[in-house]
Protein backbone atom coordinates (compact mmCIF):
# COMPACT_ATOMS: atom_id res chain seq x y z
CA UNK A 1 -2.53 -226.14 -154.93
CA UNK A 2 -6.32 -226.43 -154.98
CA UNK A 3 -8.61 -223.69 -153.76
CA UNK A 4 -12.10 -224.12 -152.40
CA UNK A 5 -14.45 -221.19 -151.99
CA UNK A 6 -17.42 -221.74 -149.70
CA UNK A 7 -20.16 -219.16 -149.76
CA UNK A 8 -22.23 -219.07 -146.59
CA UNK A 9 -25.87 -218.14 -146.67
CA UNK A 10 -26.36 -214.57 -147.74
CA UNK A 11 -28.11 -213.70 -144.50
CA UNK A 12 -25.29 -213.62 -141.98
CA UNK A 13 -27.62 -213.77 -139.00
CA UNK A 14 -28.87 -217.20 -140.03
CA UNK A 15 -25.38 -218.61 -140.56
CA UNK A 16 -23.60 -217.00 -137.61
CA UNK A 17 -26.24 -217.04 -134.89
CA UNK A 18 -27.86 -220.44 -135.48
CA UNK A 19 -26.38 -223.72 -134.32
CA UNK A 20 -25.47 -225.12 -137.73
CA UNK A 21 -23.11 -222.25 -138.69
CA UNK A 22 -20.51 -223.02 -136.00
CA UNK A 23 -20.92 -226.74 -136.74
CA UNK A 24 -19.99 -226.18 -140.39
CA UNK A 25 -17.02 -224.01 -139.41
CA UNK A 26 -15.85 -226.64 -136.92
CA UNK A 27 -15.93 -229.31 -139.64
CA UNK A 28 -14.00 -227.03 -141.98
CA UNK A 29 -11.40 -226.30 -139.30
CA UNK A 30 -10.10 -229.84 -139.68
CA UNK A 31 -8.96 -228.83 -143.18
CA UNK A 32 -5.88 -226.65 -143.55
CA UNK A 33 -7.75 -223.36 -143.85
CA UNK A 34 -5.45 -220.50 -144.70
CA UNK A 35 -7.84 -217.59 -145.16
CA UNK A 36 -11.39 -216.65 -144.33
CA UNK A 37 -13.03 -213.67 -145.99
CA UNK A 38 -15.82 -211.53 -144.60
CA UNK A 39 -17.48 -209.63 -147.45
CA UNK A 40 -19.56 -206.56 -146.71
CA UNK A 41 -22.18 -204.96 -148.94
CA UNK A 42 -20.53 -201.69 -150.05
CA UNK A 43 -23.83 -199.83 -149.75
CA UNK A 44 -23.71 -200.51 -146.02
CA UNK A 45 -20.45 -198.60 -145.72
CA UNK A 46 -21.63 -195.35 -147.32
CA UNK A 47 -22.28 -193.82 -143.91
CA UNK A 48 -20.03 -193.92 -140.88
CA UNK A 49 -22.71 -195.67 -138.84
CA UNK A 50 -23.09 -198.32 -141.56
CA UNK A 51 -19.34 -198.90 -141.59
CA UNK A 52 -19.32 -199.32 -137.80
CA UNK A 53 -22.18 -201.82 -138.05
CA UNK A 54 -20.28 -203.80 -140.70
CA UNK A 55 -17.18 -203.89 -138.52
CA UNK A 56 -19.22 -204.98 -135.50
CA UNK A 57 -20.83 -207.78 -137.53
CA UNK A 58 -17.37 -208.96 -138.60
CA UNK A 59 -16.19 -208.98 -134.99
CA UNK A 60 -19.34 -210.85 -133.93
CA UNK A 61 -18.61 -213.54 -136.54
CA UNK A 62 -14.99 -213.77 -135.39
CA UNK A 63 -16.05 -214.22 -131.78
CA UNK A 64 -18.80 -216.71 -132.61
CA UNK A 65 -16.49 -218.89 -134.67
CA UNK A 66 -13.50 -218.33 -132.36
CA UNK A 67 -11.23 -217.07 -135.13
CA UNK A 68 -8.15 -215.08 -134.35
CA UNK A 69 -9.10 -211.42 -134.14
CA UNK A 70 -5.89 -210.19 -135.75
């Protein structure tokens, strides 16, 4: 089984909230995609407010790309 890891742009706002991000995800959805990973900068999660922001950003990406929430 082959694995492909695709790293999106490091600035999530550019990838998620611009038109080309969803276009790339739509093209990739034609491939049998088993897992998507949302990586958060650990320094953001030091405070409770930072952790909440990270979770909200993950949910925003899920909604934007129409992934299953759970």
